[in-house]
């Protein structure tokens, strides 16, 4: 014989009666069949190589693998050098405003304080760009974001050229 004790009323309101169904916890419940989407998600989280991929790796002859690996190494080195060169040029471009401050003061007849705002505005642009970059990459995709960045950079330089 079980006695059920009800909690005391707080402020004249009694809590709801306890549910008769068991409380489900977060986690795996083997009594519930997995849906197709859940199975796809589990396969993506823990991929296993297919038999054909394993057989292709086992049957690969050493001559073609050495040719492929040297070509892949050459391609990887070219890609790495292209990335390093582009980042070097981007840093050089971003660092040119410092040595050009005296020239900007003479050309635009501005005080040191006003010309120094170039650093403040560019650093705010870098910070906001870094904060928004990952969100935009997830939403739009890396390729679209790269094309947008290239075209916006070209547009800004065209505006600068028109006012020079």
C-alpha atoms as a PDB file:
ATOM      1  CA  UNK A   1       0.000   0.000   0.000  1.00  0.00           C
ATOM      2  CA  UNK A   2       1.582   3.239  -1.077  1.00  0.00           C
ATOM      3  CA  UNK A   3       0.759   6.546   0.464  1.00  0.00           C
ATOM      4  CA  UNK A   4       1.133   9.592  -1.639  1.00  0.00           C
ATOM      5  CA  UNK A   5       2.023  12.718   0.234  1.00  0.00           C
ATOM      6  CA  UNK A   6       1.131  15.999  -1.387  1.00  0.00           C
ATOM      7  CA  UNK A   7       3.428  18.943  -0.842  1.00  0.00           C
ATOM      8  CA  UNK A   8       2.071  21.839   1.173  1.00  0.00           C
ATOM      9  CA  UNK A   9       0.346  24.643  -0.665  1.00  0.00           C
ATOM     10  CA  UNK A  10       2.541  27.669  -1.311  1.00  0.00           C
ATOM     11  CA  UNK A  11       0.614  30.908  -1.481  1.00  0.00           C
ATOM     12  CA  UNK A  12      -2.667  29.014  -1.656  1.00  0.00           C
ATOM     13  CA  UNK A  13      -1.654  27.165  -4.876  1.00  0.00           C
ATOM     14  CA  UNK A  14      -1.066  23.465  -4.852  1.00  0.00           C
ATOM     15  CA  UNK A  15       1.448  22.017  -7.350  1.00  0.00           C
ATOM     16  CA  UNK A  16       0.131  19.880 -10.194  1.00  0.00           C
ATOM     17  CA  UNK A  17      -0.281  16.180  -9.658  1.00  0.00           C
ATOM     18  CA  UNK A  18       2.751  14.137 -10.621  1.00  0.00           C
ATOM     19  CA  UNK A  19       2.757  12.742 -14.150  1.00  0.00           C
ATOM     20  CA  UNK A  20       2.023   9.070 -14.549  1.00  0.00           C
ATOM     21  CA  UNK A  21       4.495   8.655 -17.435  1.00  0.00           C
ATOM     22  CA  UNK A  22       8.184   8.186 -16.631  1.00  0.00           C
ATOM     23  CA  UNK A  23      10.383  11.186 -17.198  1.00  0.00           C
ATOM     24  CA  UNK A  24      12.589  10.801 -20.269  1.00  0.00           C
ATOM     25  CA  UNK A  25      16.151  11.896 -19.825  1.00  0.00           C
ATOM     26  CA  UNK A  26      18.423  13.275 -22.498  1.00  0.00           C
ATOM     27  CA  UNK A  27      20.308  10.440 -24.055  1.00  0.00           C
ATOM     28  CA  UNK A  28      19.769   7.252 -25.984  1.00  0.00           C
ATOM     29  CA  UNK A  29      16.533   5.367 -25.448  1.00  0.00           C
ATOM     30  CA  UNK A  30      16.765   1.927 -27.101  1.00  0.00           C
ATOM     31  CA  UNK A  31      13.001   1.429 -26.995  1.00  0.00           C
ATOM     32  CA  UNK A  32      12.450   4.257 -29.496  1.00  0.00           C
ATOM     33  CA  UNK A  33      13.408   3.391 -33.098  1.00  0.00           C
ATOM     34  CA  UNK A  34      15.792   5.820 -34.765  1.00  0.00           C
ATOM     35  CA  UNK A  35      14.507   7.853 -37.680  1.00  0.00           C
ATOM     36  CA  UNK A  36      16.313   8.047 -41.008  1.00  0.00           C
ATOM     37  CA  UNK A  37      17.628  11.541 -40.202  1.00  0.00           C
ATOM     38  CA  UNK A  38      19.064  10.356 -36.897  1.00  0.00           C
ATOM     39  CA  UNK A  39      20.757   7.411 -38.613  1.00  0.00           C
ATOM     40  CA  UNK A  40      22.262   9.740 -41.229  1.00  0.00           C
ATOM     41  CA  UNK A  41      23.508  12.070 -38.495  1.00  0.00           C
ATOM     42  CA  UNK A  42      25.066   9.160 -36.588  1.00  0.00           C
ATOM     43  CA  UNK A  43      26.786   7.920 -39.745  1.00  0.00           C
ATOM     44  CA  UNK A  44      28.203  11.398 -40.383  1.00  0.00           C
ATOM     45  CA  UNK A  45      29.499  11.625 -36.826  1.00  0.00           C
ATOM     46  CA  UNK A  46      31.201   8.238 -36.940  1.00  0.00           C
ATOM     47  CA  UNK A  47      32.010   7.412 -40.544  1.00  0.00           C
ATOM     48  CA  UNK A  48      33.392   4.005 -41.381  1.00  0.00           C
ATOM     49  CA  UNK A  49      35.246   3.344 -44.613  1.00  0.00           C
ATOM     50  CA  UNK A  50      33.351   1.385 -47.214  1.00  0.00           C
ATOM     51  CA  UNK A  51      34.615  -1.964 -48.391  1.00  0.00           C
ATOM     52  CA  UNK A  52      35.332  -0.631 -51.878  1.00  0.00           C
ATOM     53  CA  UNK A  53      37.473   2.176 -50.481  1.00  0.00           C
ATOM     54  CA  UNK A  54      39.444  -0.261 -48.330  1.00  0.00           C
ATOM     55  CA  UNK A  55      39.950  -2.618 -51.309  1.00  0.00           C
ATOM     56  CA  UNK A  56      41.095   0.268 -53.504  1.00  0.00           C
ATOM     57  CA  UNK A  57      43.691   1.265 -50.917  1.00  0.00           C
ATOM     58  CA  UNK A  58      44.896  -2.332 -50.498  1.00  0.00           C
ATOM     59  CA  UNK A  59      45.141  -2.997 -54.266  1.00  0.00           C
ATOM     60  CA  UNK A  60      46.921   0.264 -55.106  1.00  0.00           C
ATOM     61  CA  UNK A  61      50.289  -0.473 -56.708  1.00  0.00           C
ATOM     62  CA  UNK A  62      53.362   1.335 -55.375  1.00  0.00           C
ATOM     63  CA  UNK A  63      54.356   2.961 -58.713  1.00  0.00           C
ATOM     64  CA  UNK A  64      51.165   4.961 -59.138  1.00  0.00           C
ATOM     65  CA  UNK A  65      51.047   5.851 -55.449  1.00  0.00           C
ATOM     66  CA  UNK A  66      54.582   7.284 -55.570  1.00  0.00           C
ATOM     67  CA  UNK A  67      53.687   9.364 -58.662  1.00  0.00           C
ATOM     68  CA  UNK A  68      50.506  10.585 -57.034  1.00  0.00           C
ATOM     69  CA  UNK A  69      52.211  11.394 -53.779  1.00  0.00           C
ATOM     70  CA  UNK A  70      54.963  13.456 -55.443  1.00  0.00           C
ATOM     71  CA  UNK A  71      52.373  15.319 -57.521  1.00  0.00           C
ATOM     72  CA  UNK A  72      50.278  15.856 -54.416  1.00  0.00           C
ATOM     73  CA  UNK A  73      53.311  17.097 -52.493  1.00  0.00           C
ATOM     74  CA  UNK A  74      54.167  19.551 -55.282  1.00  0.00           C
ATOM     75  CA  UNK A  75      50.565  20.787 -55.390  1.00  0.00           C
ATOM     76  CA  UNK A  76      50.448  21.155 -51.615  1.00  0.00           C
ATOM     77  CA  UNK A  77      53.689  23.160 -51.636  1.00  0.00           C
ATOM     78  CA  UNK A  78      52.347  25.444 -54.367  1.00  0.00           C
ATOM     79  CA  UNK A  79      49.132  25.982 -52.427  1.00  0.00           C
ATOM     80  CA  UNK A  80      51.044  26.716 -49.223  1.00  0.00           C
ATOM     81  CA  UNK A  81      53.336  29.187 -50.962  1.00  0.00           C
ATOM     82  CA  UNK A  82      50.323  30.924 -52.577  1.00  0.00           C
ATOM     83  CA  UNK A  83      48.647  31.262 -49.181  1.00  0.00           C
ATOM     84  CA  UNK A  84      51.825  32.586 -47.561  1.00  0.00           C
ATOM     85  CA  UNK A  85      52.368  35.092 -50.386  1.00  0.00           C
ATOM     86  CA  UNK A  86      48.779  36.358 -50.237  1.00  0.00           C
ATOM     87  CA  UNK A  87      48.949  36.781 -46.454  1.00  0.00           C
ATOM     88  CA  UNK A  88      52.288  38.575 -46.788  1.00  0.00           C
ATOM     89  CA  UNK A  89      50.749  40.983 -49.296  1.00  0.00           C
ATOM     90  CA  UNK A  90      47.652  41.480 -47.119  1.00  0.00           C
ATOM     91  CA  UNK A  91      49.845  42.349 -44.138  1.00  0.00           C
ATOM     92  CA  UNK A  92      51.940  44.685 -46.255  1.00  0.00           C
ATOM     93  CA  UNK A  93      48.770  46.394 -47.495  1.00  0.00           C
ATOM     94  CA  UNK A  94      47.397  46.796 -43.965  1.00  0.00           C
ATOM     95  CA  UNK A  95      50.718  48.071 -42.629  1.00  0.00           C
ATOM     96  CA  UNK A  96      51.229  50.816 -45.199  1.00  0.00           C
ATOM     97  CA  UNK A  97      49.069  53.381 -43.409  1.00  0.00           C
ATOM     98  CA  UNK A  98      51.642  53.890 -40.632  1.00  0.00           C
ATOM     99  CA  UNK A  99      54.552  55.100 -42.774  1.00  0.00           C
ATOM    100  CA  UNK A 100      52.153  57.156 -44.880  1.00  0.00           C
ATOM    101  CA  UNK A 101      50.844  59.292 -41.998  1.00  0.00           C
ATOM    102  CA  UNK A 102      53.123  62.290 -42.753  1.00  0.00           C
ATOM    103  CA  UNK A 103      52.132  62.153 -46.421  1.00  0.00           C
ATOM    104  CA  UNK A 104      48.416  61.910 -45.536  1.00  0.00           C
ATOM    105  CA  UNK A 105      48.787  64.937 -43.255  1.00  0.00           C
ATOM    106  CA  UNK A 106      50.322  66.996 -46.076  1.00  0.00           C
ATOM    107  CA  UNK A 107      47.923  65.913 -48.807  1.00  0.00           C
ATOM    108  CA  UNK A 108      44.684  66.122 -46.818  1.00  0.00           C
ATOM    109  CA  UNK A 109      45.761  69.016 -44.519  1.00  0.00           C
ATOM    110  CA  UNK A 110      44.582  67.063 -41.487  1.00  0.00           C
ATOM    111  CA  UNK A 111      45.917  66.944 -37.935  1.00  0.00           C
ATOM    112  CA  UNK A 112      47.765  63.950 -36.543  1.00  0.00           C
ATOM    113  CA  UNK A 113      44.706  63.035 -34.474  1.00  0.00           C
ATOM    114  CA  UNK A 114      42.399  62.897 -37.494  1.00  0.00           C
ATOM    115  CA  UNK A 115      44.870  60.899 -39.566  1.00  0.00           C
ATOM    116  CA  UNK A 116      45.404  58.501 -36.654  1.00  0.00           C
ATOM    117  CA  UNK A 117      41.741  57.580 -36.891  1.00  0.00           C
ATOM    118  CA  UNK A 118      42.783  55.503 -39.909  1.00  0.00           C
ATOM    119  CA  UNK A 119      44.288  53.009 -37.438  1.00  0.00           C
ATOM    120  CA  UNK A 120      41.222  53.071 -35.198  1.00  0.00           C
ATOM    121  CA  UNK A 121      38.768  52.533 -38.042  1.00  0.00           C
ATOM    122  CA  UNK A 122      40.845  49.782 -39.634  1.00  0.00           C
ATOM    123  CA  UNK A 123      41.221  47.937 -36.322  1.00  0.00           C
ATOM    124  CA  UNK A 124      37.461  48.173 -35.731  1.00  0.00           C
ATOM    125  CA  UNK A 125      36.963  46.767 -39.230  1.00  0.00           C
ATOM    126  CA  UNK A 126      39.320  43.860 -38.532  1.00  0.00           C
ATOM    127  CA  UNK A 127      37.598  43.058 -35.229  1.00  0.00           C
ATOM    128  CA  UNK A 128      34.075  43.237 -36.634  1.00  0.00           C
ATOM    129  CA  UNK A 129      35.115  41.242 -39.700  1.00  0.00           C
ATOM    130  CA  UNK A 130      36.610  38.518 -37.534  1.00  0.00           C
ATOM    131  CA  UNK A 131      33.489  38.402 -35.372  1.00  0.00           C
ATOM    132  CA  UNK A 132      31.091  38.131 -38.316  1.00  0.00           C
ATOM    133  CA  UNK A 133      33.249  35.945 -40.572  1.00  0.00           C
ATOM    134  CA  UNK A 134      32.370  32.555 -39.083  1.00  0.00           C
ATOM    135  CA  UNK A 135      28.646  33.302 -39.003  1.00  0.00           C
ATOM    136  CA  UNK A 136      28.618  34.427 -42.627  1.00  0.00           C
ATOM    137  CA  UNK A 137      30.729  31.459 -43.700  1.00  0.00           C
ATOM    138  CA  UNK A 138      28.218  29.060 -42.144  1.00  0.00           C
ATOM    139  CA  UNK A 139      25.271  30.869 -43.726  1.00  0.00           C
ATOM    140  CA  UNK A 140      26.617  31.682 -47.211  1.00  0.00           C
ATOM    141  CA  UNK A 141      29.506  29.286 -47.734  1.00  0.00           C
ATOM    142  CA  UNK A 142      33.224  29.966 -47.985  1.00  0.00           C
ATOM    143  CA  UNK A 143      33.302  30.442 -51.769  1.00  0.00           C
ATOM    144  CA  UNK A 144      30.533  33.024 -51.830  1.00  0.00           C
ATOM    145  CA  UNK A 145      32.147  34.876 -48.928  1.00  0.00           C
ATOM    146  CA  UNK A 146      35.484  34.977 -50.767  1.00  0.00           C
ATOM    147  CA  UNK A 147      33.856  36.368 -53.916  1.00  0.00           C
ATOM    148  CA  UNK A 148      31.992  38.967 -51.830  1.00  0.00           C
ATOM    149  CA  UNK A 149      35.263  39.995 -50.150  1.00  0.00           C
ATOM    150  CA  UNK A 150      37.077  40.349 -53.455  1.00  0.00           C
ATOM    151  CA  UNK A 151      34.335  42.429 -55.043  1.00  0.00           C
ATOM    152  CA  UNK A 152      33.961  44.661 -51.990  1.00  0.00           C
ATOM    153  CA  UNK A 153      37.720  45.257 -51.960  1.00  0.00           C
ATOM    154  CA  UNK A 154      37.667  46.166 -55.657  1.00  0.00           C
ATOM    155  CA  UNK A 155      34.701  48.496 -55.074  1.00  0.00           C
ATOM    156  CA  UNK A 156      36.494  50.320 -52.239  1.00  0.00           C
ATOM    157  CA  UNK A 157      39.620  50.775 -54.342  1.00  0.00           C
ATOM    158  CA  UNK A 158      37.554  52.118 -57.245  1.00  0.00           C
ATOM    159  CA  UNK A 159      36.028  54.712 -54.921  1.00  0.00           C
ATOM    160  CA  UNK A 160      39.504  55.660 -53.663  1.00  0.00           C
ATOM    161  CA  UNK A 161      40.799  55.998 -57.237  1.00  0.00           C
ATOM    162  CA  UNK A 162      37.893  58.281 -58.186  1.00  0.00           C
ATOM    163  CA  UNK A 163      38.709  60.680 -55.343  1.00  0.00           C
ATOM    164  CA  UNK A 164      42.468  60.695 -55.863  1.00  0.00           C
END
